[in-house]
Amino acid sequence: MADIATIARPYAEALFASAKPSDLAPWAKQLEDLATFFQNDELLALANNPKLSSNDLFKLIEGLLQSKPDQSLTNFLKLLANNHRLVALPEIAQQFVAMKNQSEGAAEAIITSAFPLEGGALKDLLASLKSRFGGKDLRPTVIVDPELIGGVRVQVGDEVLDGSIKTRLVQMQTNLSA
């Protein structure tokens, strides 16, 4: 089977091209909410079940939603269901958010820290990272991982900055054993 990112790209691009700038944020939120459903193994099994019609699958998903999606997104979901591509929804959502962020001059930043980062410490870190990443507005997601011992690990797109003590200790061990 083709790579899921390759399958998702044309759908994400088409959805992004059809969205108005004012629709980008709400659509991104709705897509992310929908994508969480397809991280469930049971729903994935249903989506891949050839005995379940695409219409029945769409009705099932629509029933799971807390609020009815925008009509354009409803049509998009029907298209995905008819083409048996609902399993690609998490990747479509991820690519759509990346396109949205790029159009807004922003980027998602996944910050992994040994301790919770809040308030002033997070603002200071984001200010120093902003210049490192070409002045992009960074939208942080903070993950606490005590195994880092100290420091932070930052991922923005494909670039990773690892200033954690755990990584420095591993590097030191490698240098000493060489």
C-alpha atoms as a PDB file:
ATOM      1  CA  MET A   1       0.000   0.000   0.000  1.00  0.00           C
ATOM      2  CA  ALA A   2       1.175   3.524  -0.711  1.00  0.00           C
ATOM      3  CA  ASP A   3       2.611   5.585   2.097  1.00  0.00           C
ATOM      4  CA  ILE A   4      -0.183   7.166   4.161  1.00  0.00           C
ATOM      5  CA  ALA A   5       1.422  10.624   3.865  1.00  0.00           C
ATOM      6  CA  THR A   6       1.345  10.317   0.077  1.00  0.00           C
ATOM      7  CA  ILE A   7      -2.316   9.337   0.151  1.00  0.00           C
ATOM      8  CA  ALA A   8      -3.208  12.162   2.561  1.00  0.00           C
ATOM      9  CA  ARG A   9      -1.384  14.984   0.763  1.00  0.00           C
ATOM     10  CA  PRO A  10      -3.858  15.607  -2.110  1.00  0.00           C
ATOM     11  CA  TYR A  11      -6.811  15.530   0.278  1.00  0.00           C
ATOM     12  CA  ALA A  12      -5.156  17.982   2.684  1.00  0.00           C
ATOM     13  CA  GLU A  13      -4.142  20.273  -0.178  1.00  0.00           C
ATOM     14  CA  ALA A  14      -7.646  20.226  -1.685  1.00  0.00           C
ATOM     15  CA  LEU A  15      -9.270  20.954   1.662  1.00  0.00           C
ATOM     16  CA  PHE A  16      -6.792  23.751   2.364  1.00  0.00           C
ATOM     17  CA  ALA A  17      -7.327  25.274  -1.094  1.00  0.00           C
ATOM     18  CA  SER A  18     -11.097  25.272  -0.629  1.00  0.00           C
ATOM     19  CA  ALA A  19     -11.001  26.856   2.835  1.00  0.00           C
ATOM     20  CA  LYS A  20     -11.443  30.551   3.444  1.00  0.00           C
ATOM     21  CA  PRO A  21      -8.789  32.087   5.709  1.00  0.00           C
ATOM     22  CA  SER A  22     -11.412  32.571   8.424  1.00  0.00           C
ATOM     23  CA  ASP A  23     -12.302  28.846   8.224  1.00  0.00           C
ATOM     24  CA  LEU A  24      -8.763  27.553   8.753  1.00  0.00           C
ATOM     25  CA  ALA A  25      -8.721  27.519  12.560  1.00  0.00           C
ATOM     26  CA  PRO A  26     -12.183  25.953  13.046  1.00  0.00           C
ATOM     27  CA  TRP A  27     -11.549  23.377  10.332  1.00  0.00           C
ATOM     28  CA  ALA A  28      -8.168  22.484  11.823  1.00  0.00           C
ATOM     29  CA  LYS A  29      -9.830  21.961  15.212  1.00  0.00           C
ATOM     30  CA  GLN A  30     -12.600  19.809  13.734  1.00  0.00           C
ATOM     31  CA  LEU A  31     -10.094  17.750  11.720  1.00  0.00           C
ATOM     32  CA  GLU A  32      -7.940  17.163  14.807  1.00  0.00           C
ATOM     33  CA  ASP A  33     -11.024  16.059  16.751  1.00  0.00           C
ATOM     34  CA  LEU A  34     -11.995  13.673  13.954  1.00  0.00           C
ATOM     35  CA  ALA A  35      -8.441  12.363  13.703  1.00  0.00           C
ATOM     36  CA  THR A  36      -8.537  11.263  17.345  1.00  0.00           C
ATOM     37  CA  PHE A  37     -11.326   8.826  16.472  1.00  0.00           C
ATOM     38  CA  PHE A  38      -9.089   7.081  13.969  1.00  0.00           C
ATOM     39  CA  GLN A  39      -6.436   6.408  16.558  1.00  0.00           C
ATOM     40  CA  ASN A  40      -8.878   3.883  18.014  1.00  0.00           C
ATOM     41  CA  ASP A  41      -8.094   0.349  16.780  1.00  0.00           C
ATOM     42  CA  GLU A  42     -11.742  -0.738  16.813  1.00  0.00           C
ATOM     43  CA  LEU A  43     -12.850   2.164  14.634  1.00  0.00           C
ATOM     44  CA  LEU A  44      -9.925   1.525  12.285  1.00  0.00           C
ATOM     45  CA  ALA A  45     -11.051  -2.086  11.982  1.00  0.00           C
ATOM     46  CA  LEU A  46     -14.584  -0.896  11.141  1.00  0.00           C
ATOM     47  CA  ALA A  47     -13.255   1.577   8.576  1.00  0.00           C
ATOM     48  CA  ASN A  48     -11.327  -1.228   6.882  1.00  0.00           C
ATOM     49  CA  ASN A  49     -14.252  -3.664   6.993  1.00  0.00           C
ATOM     50  CA  PRO A  50     -15.444  -4.257   3.410  1.00  0.00           C
ATOM     51  CA  LYS A  51     -18.868  -5.423   4.655  1.00  0.00           C
ATOM     52  CA  LEU A  52     -19.657  -1.984   6.098  1.00  0.00           C
ATOM     53  CA  SER A  53     -20.878   0.464   3.477  1.00  0.00           C
ATOM     54  CA  SER A  54     -19.289   3.893   3.294  1.00  0.00           C
ATOM     55  CA  ASN A  55     -22.676   5.467   4.057  1.00  0.00           C
ATOM     56  CA  ASP A  56     -23.075   3.370   7.226  1.00  0.00           C
ATOM     57  CA  LEU A  57     -19.516   4.192   8.268  1.00  0.00           C
ATOM     58  CA  PHE A  58     -20.168   7.906   7.746  1.00  0.00           C
ATOM     59  CA  LYS A  59     -23.368   7.721   9.822  1.00  0.00           C
ATOM     60  CA  LEU A  60     -21.435   5.978  12.598  1.00  0.00           C
ATOM     61  CA  ILE A  61     -18.766   8.683  12.642  1.00  0.00           C
ATOM     62  CA  GLU A  62     -21.366  11.444  12.496  1.00  0.00           C
ATOM     63  CA  GLY A  63     -23.043   9.849  15.542  1.00  0.00           C
ATOM     64  CA  LEU A  64     -19.758   9.904  17.466  1.00  0.00           C
ATOM     65  CA  LEU A  65     -19.271  13.632  16.952  1.00  0.00           C
ATOM     66  CA  GLN A  66     -20.373  15.950  19.726  1.00  0.00           C
ATOM     67  CA  SER A  67     -21.192  18.720  17.267  1.00  0.00           C
ATOM     68  CA  LYS A  68     -22.119  18.570  13.620  1.00  0.00           C
ATOM     69  CA  PRO A  69     -19.196  19.564  11.398  1.00  0.00           C
ATOM     70  CA  ASP A  70     -19.351  22.354   8.847  1.00  0.00           C
ATOM     71  CA  GLN A  71     -21.171  21.340   5.612  1.00  0.00           C
ATOM     72  CA  SER A  72     -17.930  21.474   3.616  1.00  0.00           C
ATOM     73  CA  LEU A  73     -16.250  19.171   6.118  1.00  0.00           C
ATOM     74  CA  THR A  74     -19.268  16.862   6.054  1.00  0.00           C
ATOM     75  CA  ASN A  75     -18.918  16.609   2.280  1.00  0.00           C
ATOM     76  CA  PHE A  76     -15.189  16.025   2.705  1.00  0.00           C
ATOM     77  CA  LEU A  77     -15.833  13.184   5.179  1.00  0.00           C
ATOM     78  CA  LYS A  78     -18.313  11.621   2.766  1.00  0.00           C
ATOM     79  CA  LEU A  79     -15.689  11.804   0.029  1.00  0.00           C
ATOM     80  CA  LEU A  80     -13.139  10.106   2.290  1.00  0.00           C
ATOM     81  CA  ALA A  81     -15.664   7.428   3.261  1.00  0.00           C
ATOM     82  CA  ASN A  82     -16.602   6.746  -0.371  1.00  0.00           C
ATOM     83  CA  ASN A  83     -12.929   6.438  -1.338  1.00  0.00           C
ATOM     84  CA  HIS A  84     -12.104   4.290   1.722  1.00  0.00           C
ATOM     85  CA  ARG A  85      -9.612   6.897   2.941  1.00  0.00           C
ATOM     86  CA  LEU A  86     -10.970   7.653   6.413  1.00  0.00           C
ATOM     87  CA  VAL A  87      -7.967   5.841   7.882  1.00  0.00           C
ATOM     88  CA  ALA A  88      -5.805   8.628   6.422  1.00  0.00           C
ATOM     89  CA  LEU A  89      -7.678  11.285   8.406  1.00  0.00           C
ATOM     90  CA  PRO A  90      -5.021  11.704  11.153  1.00  0.00           C
ATOM     91  CA  GLU A  91      -2.344  12.372   8.521  1.00  0.00           C
ATOM     92  CA  ILE A  92      -4.687  14.653   6.547  1.00  0.00           C
ATOM     93  CA  ALA A  93      -5.334  16.658   9.722  1.00  0.00           C
ATOM     94  CA  GLN A  94      -1.618  16.894  10.465  1.00  0.00           C
ATOM     95  CA  GLN A  95      -0.807  18.101   6.938  1.00  0.00           C
ATOM     96  CA  PHE A  96      -3.714  20.554   6.966  1.00  0.00           C
ATOM     97  CA  VAL A  97      -2.486  22.083  10.248  1.00  0.00           C
ATOM     98  CA  ALA A  98       1.046  22.332   8.826  1.00  0.00           C
ATOM     99  CA  MET A  99      -0.294  24.179   5.749  1.00  0.00           C
ATOM    100  CA  LYS A 100      -2.387  26.445   7.971  1.00  0.00           C
ATOM    101  CA  ASN A 101       0.618  27.262  10.139  1.00  0.00           C
ATOM    102  CA  GLN A 102       2.821  27.917   7.120  1.00  0.00           C
ATOM    103  CA  SER A 103       0.251  30.314   5.657  1.00  0.00           C
ATOM    104  CA  GLU A 104       0.143  32.147   8.980  1.00  0.00           C
ATOM    105  CA  GLY A 105       3.944  32.224   9.369  1.00  0.00           C
ATOM    106  CA  ALA A 106       3.755  29.922  12.373  1.00  0.00           C
ATOM    107  CA  ALA A 107       4.997  26.476  13.371  1.00  0.00           C
ATOM    108  CA  GLU A 108       4.112  23.810  15.910  1.00  0.00           C
ATOM    109  CA  ALA A 109       6.789  23.376  18.571  1.00  0.00           C
ATOM    110  CA  ILE A 110       6.844  20.202  20.628  1.00  0.00           C
ATOM    111  CA  ILE A 111       8.762  21.005  23.786  1.00  0.00           C
ATOM    112  CA  THR A 112       9.739  18.077  25.982  1.00  0.00           C
ATOM    113  CA  SER A 113      10.974  19.076  29.414  1.00  0.00           C
ATOM    114  CA  ALA A 114      11.982  17.253  32.566  1.00  0.00           C
ATOM    115  CA  PHE A 115       9.792  19.639  34.558  1.00  0.00           C
ATOM    116  CA  PRO A 116       6.567  21.529  33.796  1.00  0.00           C
ATOM    117  CA  LEU A 117       7.150  24.717  31.804  1.00  0.00           C
ATOM    118  CA  GLU A 118       4.696  27.522  32.421  1.00  0.00           C
ATOM    119  CA  GLY A 119       4.357  31.266  32.422  1.00  0.00           C
ATOM    120  CA  GLY A 120       7.552  33.277  32.247  1.00  0.00           C
ATOM    121  CA  ALA A 121       9.871  30.312  31.701  1.00  0.00           C
ATOM    122  CA  LEU A 122       7.856  29.180  28.678  1.00  0.00           C
ATOM    123  CA  LYS A 123       7.652  32.737  27.288  1.00  0.00           C
ATOM    124  CA  ASP A 124      11.429  33.179  27.648  1.00  0.00           C
ATOM    125  CA  LEU A 125      12.111  29.870  25.936  1.00  0.00           C
ATOM    126  CA  LEU A 126       9.713  30.697  23.076  1.00  0.00           C
ATOM    127  CA  ALA A 127      11.308  34.125  22.633  1.00  0.00           C
ATOM    128  CA  SER A 128      14.781  32.597  22.264  1.00  0.00           C
ATOM    129  CA  LEU A 129      13.465  29.868  19.949  1.00  0.00           C
ATOM    130  CA  LYS A 130      11.622  32.375  17.765  1.00  0.00           C
ATOM    131  CA  SER A 131      14.880  33.907  16.546  1.00  0.00           C
ATOM    132  CA  ARG A 132      16.360  30.422  16.006  1.00  0.00           C
ATOM    133  CA  PHE A 133      13.458  29.453  13.730  1.00  0.00           C
ATOM    134  CA  GLY A 134      13.391  32.527  11.515  1.00  0.00           C
ATOM    135  CA  GLY A 135      10.947  34.636  13.507  1.00  0.00           C
ATOM    136  CA  LYS A 136       8.069  32.172  13.152  1.00  0.00           C
ATOM    137  CA  ASP A 137       5.307  32.346  15.708  1.00  0.00           C
ATOM    138  CA  LEU A 138       5.735  29.093  17.640  1.00  0.00           C
ATOM    139  CA  ARG A 139       2.697  27.274  18.967  1.00  0.00           C
ATOM    140  CA  PRO A 140       3.993  25.164  21.827  1.00  0.00           C
ATOM    141  CA  THR A 141       2.895  21.785  23.076  1.00  0.00           C
ATOM    142  CA  VAL A 142       4.709  20.985  26.318  1.00  0.00           C
ATOM    143  CA  ILE A 143       5.328  17.376  27.280  1.00  0.00           C
ATOM    144  CA  VAL A 144       6.839  16.500  30.652  1.00  0.00           C
ATOM    145  CA  ASP A 145       9.338  13.605  30.569  1.00  0.00           C
ATOM    146  CA  PRO A 146      11.249  13.126  33.839  1.00  0.00           C
ATOM    147  CA  GLU A 147      13.714  10.784  32.080  1.00  0.00           C
ATOM    148  CA  LEU A 148      15.362  13.843  30.507  1.00  0.00           C
ATOM    149  CA  ILE A 149      16.733  14.649  33.997  1.00  0.00           C
ATOM    150  CA  GLY A 150      16.941  18.355  33.074  1.00  0.00           C
ATOM    151  CA  GLY A 151      16.961  20.683  30.102  1.00  0.00           C
ATOM    152  CA  VAL A 152      14.590  20.610  27.141  1.00  0.00           C
ATOM    153  CA  ARG A 153      14.175  18.934  23.774  1.00  0.00           C
ATOM    154  CA  VAL A 154      12.442  21.050  21.104  1.00  0.00           C
ATOM    155  CA  GLN A 155      11.072  19.776  17.801  1.00  0.00           C
ATOM    156  CA  VAL A 156       9.838  22.198  15.160  1.00  0.00           C
ATOM    157  CA  GLY A 157       8.993  20.413  11.938  1.00  0.00           C
ATOM    158  CA  ASP A 158      11.949  18.197  11.049  1.00  0.00           C
ATOM    159  CA  GLU A 159      14.445  20.107  13.177  1.00  0.00           C
ATOM    160  CA  VAL A 160      15.261  18.934  16.699  1.00  0.00           C
ATOM    161  CA  LEU A 161      17.219  20.861  19.313  1.00  0.00           C
ATOM    162  CA  ASP A 162      18.179  18.597  22.183  1.00  0.00           C
ATOM    163  CA  GLY A 163      19.626  20.325  25.223  1.00  0.00           C
ATOM    164  CA  SER A 164      18.603  17.654  27.709  1.00  0.00           C
ATOM    165  CA  ILE A 165      20.965  16.371  30.353  1.00  0.00           C
ATOM    166  CA  LYS A 166      20.132  12.800  29.366  1.00  0.00           C
ATOM    167  CA  THR A 167      21.449  13.389  25.832  1.00  0.00           C
ATOM    168  CA  ARG A 168      24.545  15.143  27.124  1.00  0.00           C
ATOM    169  CA  LEU A 169      25.298  12.208  29.456  1.00  0.00           C
ATOM    170  CA  VAL A 170      24.910   9.749  26.586  1.00  0.00           C
ATOM    171  CA  GLN A 171      27.265  11.853  24.437  1.00  0.00           C
ATOM    172  CA  MET A 172      29.759  12.042  27.285  1.00  0.00           C
ATOM    173  CA  GLN A 173      29.602   8.270  27.753  1.00  0.00           C
ATOM    174  CA  THR A 174      30.194   7.735  24.039  1.00  0.00           C
ATOM    175  CA  ASN A 175      33.173  10.107  24.026  1.00  0.00           C
ATOM    176  CA  LEU A 176      34.727   8.464  27.089  1.00  0.00           C
ATOM    177  CA  SER A 177      34.298   4.928  25.764  1.00  0.00           C
ATOM    178  CA  ALA A 178      35.784   5.749  22.331  1.00  0.00           C
END
